[in-house]
Amino acid sequence: MKKYDGAVAVERLTVSLDTELADAVRRVLERDNDVLTELAGTLTSVYADGELDALRDEWA
């Protein structure tokens, strides 16, 4: 993945405008919450015990 000023290309960013400067507008980029952290563990009851291991074995 290509990096641009510390942000990875697949990250979600929020853009806001800082208009406190007299003659200019500054764009402020902030990282959104980590999607993986938000979603980790949310699908724990979707697969039966051992089913994911069998799927992984198919790809090996």
Protein backbone atom coordinates (compact mmCIF):
# COMPACT_ATOMS: atom_id res chain seq x y z
CA MET A 1 0.00 0.00 0.00
CA LYS A 2 1.18 3.47 -0.80
CA LYS A 3 1.55 5.96 2.04
CA TYR A 4 0.79 9.65 1.82
CA ASP A 5 2.00 11.83 4.70
CA GLY A 6 1.41 9.10 7.28
CA ALA A 7 -2.04 8.03 6.09
CA VAL A 8 -2.46 4.71 4.30
CA ALA A 9 -4.49 4.88 1.09
CA VAL A 10 -7.29 2.66 2.43
CA GLU A 11 -7.93 4.61 5.65
CA ARG A 12 -11.16 6.54 6.10
CA LEU A 13 -10.55 10.23 6.72
CA THR A 14 -12.83 13.07 7.74
CA VAL A 15 -12.18 16.50 6.25
CA SER A 16 -13.11 19.66 8.11
CA LEU A 17 -12.39 23.29 7.32
CA ASP A 18 -10.66 25.64 9.75
CA THR A 19 -11.81 29.15 8.87
CA GLU A 20 -10.23 30.95 11.84
CA LEU A 21 -7.38 32.21 9.68
CA ALA A 22 -7.99 35.68 8.28
CA ASP A 23 -7.06 35.17 4.61
CA ALA A 24 -7.05 31.38 4.20
CA VAL A 25 -8.96 28.21 4.86
CA ARG A 26 -7.09 25.26 6.26
CA ARG A 27 -8.27 21.71 5.52
CA VAL A 28 -7.92 19.37 8.49
CA LEU A 29 -7.79 15.61 7.87
CA GLU A 30 -8.60 13.31 10.78
CA ARG A 31 -8.63 9.52 10.83
CA ASP A 32 -12.00 7.89 11.41
CA ASN A 33 -12.32 5.01 13.82
CA ASP A 34 -10.51 1.82 12.90
CA VAL A 35 -13.03 -0.32 11.00
CA LEU A 36 -11.37 -3.59 12.02
CA THR A 37 -11.59 -2.65 15.70
CA GLU A 38 -15.26 -1.71 15.28
CA LEU A 39 -16.20 -4.98 13.58
CA ALA A 40 -13.91 -7.52 15.27
CA GLY A 41 -15.95 -10.09 17.17
CA THR A 42 -19.34 -9.06 15.78
CA LEU A 43 -19.86 -12.26 13.77
CA THR A 44 -18.91 -14.79 16.45
CA SER A 45 -22.12 -16.84 16.15
CA VAL A 46 -22.32 -16.96 12.34
CA TYR A 47 -20.22 -20.11 11.81
CA ALA A 48 -20.48 -23.43 13.65
CA ASP A 49 -17.48 -24.74 15.60
CA GLY A 50 -14.78 -25.94 13.20
CA GLU A 51 -16.50 -24.57 10.09
CA LEU A 52 -13.99 -21.75 9.58
CA ASP A 53 -11.08 -24.15 10.01
CA ALA A 54 -12.56 -26.33 7.25
CA LEU A 55 -12.90 -23.30 4.97
CA ARG A 56 -9.32 -22.26 5.69
CA ASP A 57 -8.12 -25.80 4.88
CA GLU A 58 -9.81 -25.55 1.47
CA TRP A 59 -7.67 -22.48 0.66
CA ALA A 60 -4.40 -24.03 1.88
